[in-house]
Amino acid sequence: MAEEGQKSKSVISSAEAASGAESGNTLLPMLIAGLILIVIGAIAVMVFV
């Protein structure tokens, strides 16, 4: 139990804090890179087939 002289710490549970991402870092660049890699892979499959 917390004593009266100590302050209790609050738990922050936002999506940004839970992911460990910084404020300027989102998943958008990763999603764009994944889409580009999928397109390149599809083109490579079409070339060989």
Protein backbone atom coordinates (compact mmCIF):
# COMPACT_ATOMS: atom_id res chain seq x y z
CA MET A 1 0.00 0.00 0.00
CA ALA A 2 1.12 3.54 -0.67
CA GLU A 3 2.00 5.56 2.39
CA GLU A 4 0.50 9.01 2.86
CA GLY A 5 3.80 10.82 2.24
CA GLN A 6 4.38 9.16 -1.13
CA LYS A 7 2.70 10.05 -4.41
CA SER A 8 1.25 7.14 -6.36
CA LYS A 9 2.31 6.77 -9.98
CA SER A 10 -0.41 6.70 -12.60
CA VAL A 11 -0.34 4.16 -15.40
CA ILE A 12 -0.46 5.68 -18.88
CA SER A 13 -2.05 3.33 -21.36
CA SER A 14 -2.32 5.05 -24.71
CA ALA A 15 -1.68 3.32 -28.01
CA GLU A 16 1.43 5.43 -28.57
CA ALA A 17 2.90 4.62 -25.16
CA ALA A 18 2.04 0.93 -25.45
CA SER A 19 3.78 0.58 -28.81
CA GLY A 20 6.93 2.28 -27.58
CA ALA A 21 6.92 4.60 -30.58
CA GLU A 22 8.15 8.15 -30.38
CA SER A 23 5.79 11.01 -31.11
CA GLY A 24 6.99 11.49 -34.70
CA ASN A 25 7.35 7.80 -35.53
CA THR A 26 4.28 6.02 -36.87
CA LEU A 27 3.67 2.81 -38.76
CA LEU A 28 2.93 4.65 -42.01
CA PRO A 29 6.50 4.43 -43.42
CA MET A 30 6.59 0.71 -42.61
CA LEU A 31 3.25 0.17 -44.35
CA ILE A 32 4.40 2.06 -47.45
CA ALA A 33 7.66 0.08 -47.57
CA GLY A 34 5.72 -3.18 -47.25
CA LEU A 35 3.41 -2.20 -50.08
CA ILE A 36 6.37 -1.33 -52.30
CA LEU A 37 8.01 -4.68 -51.52
CA ILE A 38 4.77 -6.52 -52.35
CA VAL A 39 4.56 -4.71 -55.71
CA ILE A 40 8.21 -5.52 -56.50
CA GLY A 41 7.62 -9.17 -55.56
CA ALA A 42 4.51 -9.35 -57.75
CA ILE A 43 6.44 -7.90 -60.70
CA ALA A 44 9.23 -10.44 -60.16
CA VAL A 45 6.70 -13.30 -60.12
CA MET A 46 5.09 -12.01 -63.33
CA VAL A 47 8.48 -11.82 -65.07
CA PHE A 48 9.28 -15.48 -64.31
CA VAL A 49 5.82 -16.87 -65.07
